[in-house]
Amino acid sequence: MERGTIIPWRELSPEALNGLIEEFVSREGTEYGEQEVSLVSKVREVVAQLEAGTVAVVFEAETSSASIVPVCDLHGS
């Protein structure tokens, strides 16, 4: 099942990428346990995952939205 179109994250403007990441880490259900983690730390963690290639930016035409998705979810389990 196709999850959308992968968008090369390095081609996004810094502002667009930062906004997307901040929205992603601020979503309900992205808890980091009992320890409070700063927004800056969460953003850095996602950038590291993008650089490592473990997550990707995906645009879903059906909803006209972009998200950050684990690469393993893109290829099916």
PDB file of N, CA and C in Angstrom:
ATOM      1  N   MET A   1       0.849  -1.192   0.000  1.00  0.00           N
ATOM      2  CA  MET A   1       0.000   0.000   0.000  1.00  0.00           C
ATOM      3  C   MET A   1       0.889   1.249   0.000  1.00  0.00           C
ATOM      4  N   GLU A   2       0.619   2.136  -0.900  1.00  0.00           N
ATOM      5  CA  GLU A   2       1.394   3.375  -1.033  1.00  0.00           C
ATOM      6  C   GLU A   2       1.028   4.345   0.079  1.00  0.00           C
ATOM      7  N   ARG A   3       2.036   4.904   0.735  1.00  0.00           N
ATOM      8  CA  ARG A   3       1.795   5.840   1.837  1.00  0.00           C
ATOM      9  C   ARG A   3       1.917   7.282   1.405  1.00  0.00           C
ATOM     10  N   GLY A   4       2.171   7.541   0.154  1.00  0.00           N
ATOM     11  CA  GLY A   4       2.331   8.907  -0.305  1.00  0.00           C
ATOM     12  C   GLY A   4       3.630   9.059  -1.075  1.00  0.00           C
ATOM     13  N   THR A   5       3.993  10.298  -1.300  1.00  0.00           N
ATOM     14  CA  THR A   5       5.193  10.612  -2.059  1.00  0.00           C
ATOM     15  C   THR A   5       6.278  11.093  -1.113  1.00  0.00           C
ATOM     16  N   ILE A   6       7.442  10.464  -1.203  1.00  0.00           N
ATOM     17  CA  ILE A   6       8.564  10.892  -0.366  1.00  0.00           C
ATOM     18  C   ILE A   6       9.089  12.221  -0.898  1.00  0.00           C
ATOM     19  N   ILE A   7       9.231  13.174  -0.002  1.00  0.00           N
ATOM     20  CA  ILE A   7       9.758  14.495  -0.333  1.00  0.00           C
ATOM     21  C   ILE A   7      11.186  14.565   0.209  1.00  0.00           C
ATOM     22  N   PRO A   8      12.169  14.845  -0.640  1.00  0.00           N
ATOM     23  CA  PRO A   8      13.540  14.981  -0.123  1.00  0.00           C
ATOM     24  C   PRO A   8      13.600  16.124   0.891  1.00  0.00           C
ATOM     25  N   TRP A   9      13.834  15.783   2.135  1.00  0.00           N
ATOM     26  CA  TRP A   9      13.743  16.767   3.214  1.00  0.00           C
ATOM     27  C   TRP A   9      14.756  17.883   3.076  1.00  0.00           C
ATOM     28  N   ARG A  10      15.883  17.626   2.446  1.00  0.00           N
ATOM     29  CA  ARG A  10      16.903  18.670   2.270  1.00  0.00           C
ATOM     30  C   ARG A  10      16.464  19.740   1.261  1.00  0.00           C
ATOM     31  N   GLU A  11      15.431  19.438   0.484  1.00  0.00           N
ATOM     32  CA  GLU A  11      14.916  20.408  -0.488  1.00  0.00           C
ATOM     33  C   GLU A  11      13.884  21.353   0.113  1.00  0.00           C
ATOM     34  N   LEU A  12      13.431  21.069   1.323  1.00  0.00           N
ATOM     35  CA  LEU A  12      12.487  21.964   2.000  1.00  0.00           C
ATOM     36  C   LEU A  12      13.243  23.169   2.551  1.00  0.00           C
ATOM     37  N   SER A  13      12.573  24.294   2.615  1.00  0.00           N
ATOM     38  CA  SER A  13      13.200  25.453   3.248  1.00  0.00           C
ATOM     39  C   SER A  13      13.387  25.142   4.727  1.00  0.00           C
ATOM     40  N   PRO A  14      14.380  25.766   5.362  1.00  0.00           N
ATOM     41  CA  PRO A  14      14.568  25.532   6.802  1.00  0.00           C
ATOM     42  C   PRO A  14      13.304  25.826   7.612  1.00  0.00           C
ATOM     43  N   GLU A  15      12.583  26.865   7.221  1.00  0.00           N
ATOM     44  CA  GLU A  15      11.357  27.234   7.935  1.00  0.00           C
ATOM     45  C   GLU A  15      10.288  26.157   7.780  1.00  0.00           C
ATOM     46  N   ALA A  16      10.116  25.657   6.559  1.00  0.00           N
ATOM     47  CA  ALA A  16       9.102  24.628   6.320  1.00  0.00           C
ATOM     48  C   ALA A  16       9.460  23.339   7.051  1.00  0.00           C
ATOM     49  N   LEU A  17      10.729  22.949   7.001  1.00  0.00           N
ATOM     50  CA  LEU A  17      11.155  21.731   7.674  1.00  0.00           C
ATOM     51  C   LEU A  17      10.973  21.864   9.180  1.00  0.00           C
ATOM     52  N   ASN A  18      11.393  22.975   9.738  1.00  0.00           N
ATOM     53  CA  ASN A  18      11.260  23.179  11.179  1.00  0.00           C
ATOM     54  C   ASN A  18       9.786  23.171  11.604  1.00  0.00           C
ATOM     55  N   GLY A  19       8.937  23.827  10.833  1.00  0.00           N
ATOM     56  CA  GLY A  19       7.506  23.838  11.139  1.00  0.00           C
ATOM     57  C   GLY A  19       6.906  22.440  11.097  1.00  0.00           C
ATOM     58  N   LEU A  20       7.294  21.664  10.097  1.00  0.00           N
ATOM     59  CA  LEU A  20       6.797  20.298   9.969  1.00  0.00           C
ATOM     60  C   LEU A  20       7.259  19.443  11.152  1.00  0.00           C
ATOM     61  N   ILE A  21       8.526  19.553  11.499  1.00  0.00           N
ATOM     62  CA  ILE A  21       9.059  18.774  12.618  1.00  0.00           C
ATOM     63  C   ILE A  21       8.409  19.189  13.930  1.00  0.00           C
ATOM     64  N   GLU A  22       8.274  20.500  14.164  1.00  0.00           N
ATOM     65  CA  GLU A  22       7.647  20.967  15.405  1.00  0.00           C
ATOM     66  C   GLU A  22       6.211  20.477  15.513  1.00  0.00           C
ATOM     67  N   GLU A  23       5.481  20.511  14.420  1.00  0.00           N
ATOM     68  CA  GLU A  23       4.098  20.014  14.424  1.00  0.00           C
ATOM     69  C   GLU A  23       4.103  18.515  14.729  1.00  0.00           C
ATOM     70  N   PHE A  24       5.020  17.783  14.137  1.00  0.00           N
ATOM     71  CA  PHE A  24       5.107  16.338  14.337  1.00  0.00           C
ATOM     72  C   PHE A  24       5.392  15.986  15.797  1.00  0.00           C
ATOM     73  N   VAL A  25       6.380  16.624  16.407  1.00  0.00           N
ATOM     74  CA  VAL A  25       6.749  16.269  17.780  1.00  0.00           C
ATOM     75  C   VAL A  25       5.756  16.804  18.803  1.00  0.00           C
ATOM     76  N   SER A  26       4.892  17.725  18.398  1.00  0.00           N
ATOM     77  CA  SER A  26       3.896  18.289  19.312  1.00  0.00           C
ATOM     78  C   SER A  26       2.571  17.526  19.288  1.00  0.00           C
ATOM     79  N   ARG A  27       2.456  16.561  18.379  1.00  0.00           N
ATOM     80  CA  ARG A  27       1.203  15.815  18.260  1.00  0.00           C
ATOM     81  C   ARG A  27       0.894  15.025  19.511  1.00  0.00           C
ATOM     82  N   GLU A  28      -0.387  14.830  19.711  1.00  0.00           N
ATOM     83  CA  GLU A  28      -0.869  13.952  20.781  1.00  0.00           C
ATOM     84  C   GLU A  28      -0.312  12.555  20.519  1.00  0.00           C
ATOM     85  N   GLY A  29       0.160  11.902  21.567  1.00  0.00           N
ATOM     86  CA  GLY A  29       0.652  10.533  21.399  1.00  0.00           C
ATOM     87  C   GLY A  29       2.135  10.433  21.121  1.00  0.00           C
ATOM     88  N   THR A  30       2.839  11.555  21.106  1.00  0.00           N
ATOM     89  CA  THR A  30       4.292  11.500  20.917  1.00  0.00           C
ATOM     90  C   THR A  30       4.971  11.807  22.243  1.00  0.00           C
ATOM     91  N   GLU A  31       4.564  11.067  23.262  1.00  0.00           N
ATOM     92  CA  GLU A  31       5.105  11.266  24.604  1.00  0.00           C
ATOM     93  C   GLU A  31       6.495  10.663  24.714  1.00  0.00           C
ATOM     94  N   TYR A  32       7.290  11.204  25.580  1.00  0.00           N
ATOM     95  CA  TYR A  32       8.652  10.751  25.778  1.00  0.00           C
ATOM     96  C   TYR A  32       8.845  10.166  27.175  1.00  0.00           C
ATOM     97  N   GLY A  33       7.765   9.635  27.757  1.00  0.00           N
ATOM     98  CA  GLY A  33       7.858   9.047  29.086  1.00  0.00           C
ATOM     99  C   GLY A  33       7.669  10.083  30.167  1.00  0.00           C
ATOM    100  N   GLU A  34       8.121   9.731  31.357  1.00  0.00           N
ATOM    101  CA  GLU A  34       7.927  10.612  32.504  1.00  0.00           C
ATOM    102  C   GLU A  34       8.835  11.829  32.472  1.00  0.00           C
ATOM    103  N   GLN A  35       9.982  11.706  31.806  1.00  0.00           N
ATOM    104  CA  GLN A  35      10.936  12.809  31.750  1.00  0.00           C
ATOM    105  C   GLN A  35      10.491  13.837  30.715  1.00  0.00           C
ATOM    106  N   GLU A  36      10.499  15.089  31.103  1.00  0.00           N
ATOM    107  CA  GLU A  36      10.134  16.181  30.200  1.00  0.00           C
ATOM    108  C   GLU A  36      11.289  16.418  29.216  1.00  0.00           C
ATOM    109  N   VAL A  37      10.972  16.471  27.925  1.00  0.00           N
ATOM    110  CA  VAL A  37      11.981  16.698  26.892  1.00  0.00           C
ATOM    111  C   VAL A  37      11.622  17.993  26.182  1.00  0.00           C
ATOM    112  N   SER A  38      12.593  18.879  26.001  1.00  0.00           N
ATOM    113  CA  SER A  38      12.327  20.172  25.376  1.00  0.00           C
ATOM    114  C   SER A  38      12.008  20.020  23.894  1.00  0.00           C
ATOM    115  N   LEU A  39      11.293  20.989  23.368  1.00  0.00           N
ATOM    116  CA  LEU A  39      10.965  21.005  21.950  1.00  0.00           C
ATOM    117  C   LEU A  39      12.234  20.984  21.112  1.00  0.00           C
ATOM    118  N   VAL A  40      13.236  21.745  21.510  1.00  0.00           N
ATOM    119  CA  VAL A  40      14.501  21.802  20.775  1.00  0.00           C
ATOM    120  C   VAL A  40      15.141  20.410  20.717  1.00  0.00           C
ATOM    121  N   SER A  41      15.132  19.689  21.826  1.00  0.00           N
ATOM    122  CA  SER A  41      15.699  18.341  21.853  1.00  0.00           C
ATOM    123  C   SER A  41      14.926  17.390  20.951  1.00  0.00           C
ATOM    124  N   LYS A  42      13.598  17.498  20.975  1.00  0.00           N
ATOM    125  CA  LYS A  42      12.768  16.648  20.123  1.00  0.00           C
ATOM    126  C   LYS A  42      13.037  16.931  18.646  1.00  0.00           C
ATOM    127  N   VAL A  43      13.156  18.211  18.292  1.00  0.00           N
ATOM    128  CA  VAL A  43      13.429  18.590  16.901  1.00  0.00           C
ATOM    129  C   VAL A  43      14.784  18.043  16.479  1.00  0.00           C
ATOM    130  N   ARG A  44      15.800  18.190  17.324  1.00  0.00           N
ATOM    131  CA  ARG A  44      17.138  17.668  17.006  1.00  0.00           C
ATOM    132  C   ARG A  44      17.103  16.159  16.779  1.00  0.00           C
ATOM    133  N   GLU A  45      16.328  15.463  17.591  1.00  0.00           N
ATOM    134  CA  GLU A  45      16.210  14.010  17.464  1.00  0.00           C
ATOM    135  C   GLU A  45      15.616  13.632  16.106  1.00  0.00           C
ATOM    136  N   VAL A  46      14.587  14.341  15.682  1.00  0.00           N
ATOM    137  CA  VAL A  46      13.964  14.043  14.391  1.00  0.00           C
ATOM    138  C   VAL A  46      14.923  14.383  13.244  1.00  0.00           C
ATOM    139  N   VAL A  47      15.642  15.488  13.341  1.00  0.00           N
ATOM    140  CA  VAL A  47      16.627  15.841  12.311  1.00  0.00           C
ATOM    141  C   VAL A  47      17.677  14.731  12.217  1.00  0.00           C
ATOM    142  N   ALA A  48      18.135  14.217  13.342  1.00  0.00           N
ATOM    143  CA  ALA A  48      19.112  13.122  13.335  1.00  0.00           C
ATOM    144  C   ALA A  48      18.534  11.881  12.654  1.00  0.00           C
ATOM    145  N   GLN A  49      17.249  11.617  12.879  1.00  0.00           N
ATOM    146  CA  GLN A  49      16.601  10.474  12.233  1.00  0.00           C
ATOM    147  C   GLN A  49      16.481  10.696  10.726  1.00  0.00           C
ATOM    148  N   LEU A  50      16.188  11.928  10.314  1.00  0.00           N
ATOM    149  CA  LEU A  50      16.147  12.240   8.882  1.00  0.00           C
ATOM    150  C   LEU A  50      17.525  12.038   8.259  1.00  0.00           C
ATOM    151  N   GLU A  51      18.563  12.542   8.928  1.00  0.00           N
ATOM    152  CA  GLU A  51      19.922  12.403   8.423  1.00  0.00           C
ATOM    153  C   GLU A  51      20.345  10.940   8.338  1.00  0.00           C
ATOM    154  N   ALA A  52      19.900  10.129   9.289  1.00  0.00           N
ATOM    155  CA  ALA A  52      20.240   8.702   9.307  1.00  0.00           C
ATOM    156  C   ALA A  52      19.421   7.901   8.298  1.00  0.00           C
ATOM    157  N   GLY A  53      18.344   8.513   7.802  1.00  0.00           N
ATOM    158  CA  GLY A  53      17.498   7.816   6.839  1.00  0.00           C
ATOM    159  C   GLY A  53      16.511   6.848   7.460  1.00  0.00           C
ATOM    160  N   THR A  54      16.258   6.976   8.760  1.00  0.00           N
ATOM    161  CA  THR A  54      15.301   6.081   9.407  1.00  0.00           C
ATOM    162  C   THR A  54      13.866   6.596   9.346  1.00  0.00           C
ATOM    163  N   VAL A  55      13.717   7.901   9.073  1.00  0.00           N
ATOM    164  CA  VAL A  55      12.393   8.487   8.837  1.00  0.00           C
ATOM    165  C   VAL A  55      12.466   9.318   7.564  1.00  0.00           C
ATOM    166  N   ALA A  56      11.305   9.587   6.982  1.00  0.00           N
ATOM    167  CA  ALA A  56      11.242  10.369   5.749  1.00  0.00           C
ATOM    168  C   ALA A  56      10.055  11.325   5.812  1.00  0.00           C
ATOM    169  N   VAL A  57      10.147  12.398   5.042  1.00  0.00           N
ATOM    170  CA  VAL A  57       9.024  13.322   4.882  1.00  0.00           C
ATOM    171  C   VAL A  57       8.162  12.777   3.750  1.00  0.00           C
ATOM    172  N   VAL A  58       6.886  12.621   4.016  1.00  0.00           N
ATOM    173  CA  VAL A  58       5.962  12.056   3.041  1.00  0.00           C
ATOM    174  C   VAL A  58       4.788  13.006   2.841  1.00  0.00           C
ATOM    175  N   PHE A  59       4.469  13.275   1.568  1.00  0.00           N
ATOM    176  CA  PHE A  59       3.302  14.089   1.231  1.00  0.00           C
ATOM    177  C   PHE A  59       2.180  13.158   0.813  1.00  0.00           C
ATOM    178  N   GLU A  60       1.013  13.336   1.426  1.00  0.00           N
ATOM    179  CA  GLU A  60      -0.150  12.534   1.092  1.00  0.00           C
ATOM    180  C   GLU A  60      -1.150  13.415   0.352  1.00  0.00           C
ATOM    181  N   ALA A  61      -1.299  13.146  -0.943  1.00  0.00           N
ATOM    182  CA  ALA A  61      -2.162  13.962  -1.797  1.00  0.00           C
ATOM    183  C   ALA A  61      -3.614  13.920  -1.339  1.00  0.00           C
ATOM    184  N   GLU A  62      -4.045  12.780  -0.835  1.00  0.00           N
ATOM    185  CA  GLU A  62      -5.432  12.613  -0.414  1.00  0.00           C
ATOM    186  C   GLU A  62      -5.833  13.624   0.654  1.00  0.00           C
ATOM    187  N   THR A  63      -4.901  13.924   1.561  1.00  0.00           N
ATOM    188  CA  THR A  63      -5.183  14.866   2.638  1.00  0.00           C
ATOM    189  C   THR A  63      -4.465  16.199   2.446  1.00  0.00           C
ATOM    190  N   SER A  64      -3.681  16.316   1.382  1.00  0.00           N
ATOM    191  CA  SER A  64      -2.877  17.512   1.096  1.00  0.00           C
ATOM    192  C   SER A  64      -2.026  17.907   2.300  1.00  0.00           C
ATOM    193  N   SER A  65      -1.401  16.900   2.909  1.00  0.00           N
ATOM    194  CA  SER A  65      -0.586  17.174   4.086  1.00  0.00           C
ATOM    195  C   SER A  65       0.714  16.383   4.022  1.00  0.00           C
ATOM    196  N   ALA A  66       1.680  16.870   4.767  1.00  0.00           N
ATOM    197  CA  ALA A  66       2.967  16.189   4.862  1.00  0.00           C
ATOM    198  C   ALA A  66       3.133  15.683   6.283  1.00  0.00           C
ATOM    199  N   SER A  67       3.902  14.612   6.417  1.00  0.00           N
ATOM    200  CA  SER A  67       4.160  14.046   7.724  1.00  0.00           C
ATOM    201  C   SER A  67       5.547  13.423   7.723  1.00  0.00           C
ATOM    202  N   ILE A  68       5.971  12.997   8.891  1.00  0.00           N
ATOM    203  CA  ILE A  68       7.238  12.296   9.043  1.00  0.00           C
ATOM    204  C   ILE A  68       6.887  10.855   9.393  1.00  0.00           C
ATOM    205  N   VAL A  69       7.438   9.938   8.610  1.00  0.00           N
ATOM    206  CA  VAL A  69       7.049   8.531   8.702  1.00  0.00           C
ATOM    207  C   VAL A  69       8.299   7.664   8.803  1.00  0.00           C
ATOM    208  N   PRO A  70       8.281   6.648   9.664  1.00  0.00           N
ATOM    209  CA  PRO A  70       9.406   5.707   9.674  1.00  0.00           C
ATOM    210  C   PRO A  70       9.548   5.029   8.304  1.00  0.00           C
ATOM    211  N   VAL A  71      10.764   4.931   7.820  1.00  0.00           N
ATOM    212  CA  VAL A  71      11.018   4.360   6.504  1.00  0.00           C
ATOM    213  C   VAL A  71      10.502   2.926   6.425  1.00  0.00           C
ATOM    214  N   CYS A  72      10.613   2.182   7.522  1.00  0.00           N
ATOM    215  CA  CYS A  72      10.134   0.801   7.507  1.00  0.00           C
ATOM    216  C   CYS A  72       8.620   0.718   7.243  1.00  0.00           C
ATOM    217  N   ASP A  73       7.876   1.760   7.606  1.00  0.00           N
ATOM    218  CA  ASP A  73       6.428   1.780   7.335  1.00  0.00           C
ATOM    219  C   ASP A  73       6.123   2.049   5.874  1.00  0.00           C
ATOM    220  N   LEU A  74       7.064   2.622   5.157  1.00  0.00           N
ATOM    221  CA  LEU A  74       6.842   2.947   3.746  1.00  0.00           C
ATOM    222  C   LEU A  74       6.933   1.708   2.863  1.00  0.00           C
ATOM    223  N   HIS A  75       7.706   0.763   3.290  1.00  0.00           N
ATOM    224  CA  HIS A  75       7.950  -0.429   2.480  1.00  0.00           C
ATOM    225  C   HIS A  75       7.135  -1.631   2.928  1.00  0.00           C
ATOM    226  N   GLY A  76       6.246  -1.404   3.881  1.00  0.00           N
ATOM    227  CA  GLY A  76       5.431  -2.496   4.401  1.00  0.00           C
ATOM    228  C   GLY A  76       6.224  -3.326   5.394  1.00  0.00           C
ATOM    229  N   SER A  77       5.507  -4.109   6.152  1.00  0.00           N
ATOM    230  CA  SER A  77       6.176  -4.927   7.172  1.00  0.00           C
ATOM    231  C   SER A  77       6.344  -6.328   6.691  1.00  0.00           C
TER     232      SER A  77
END
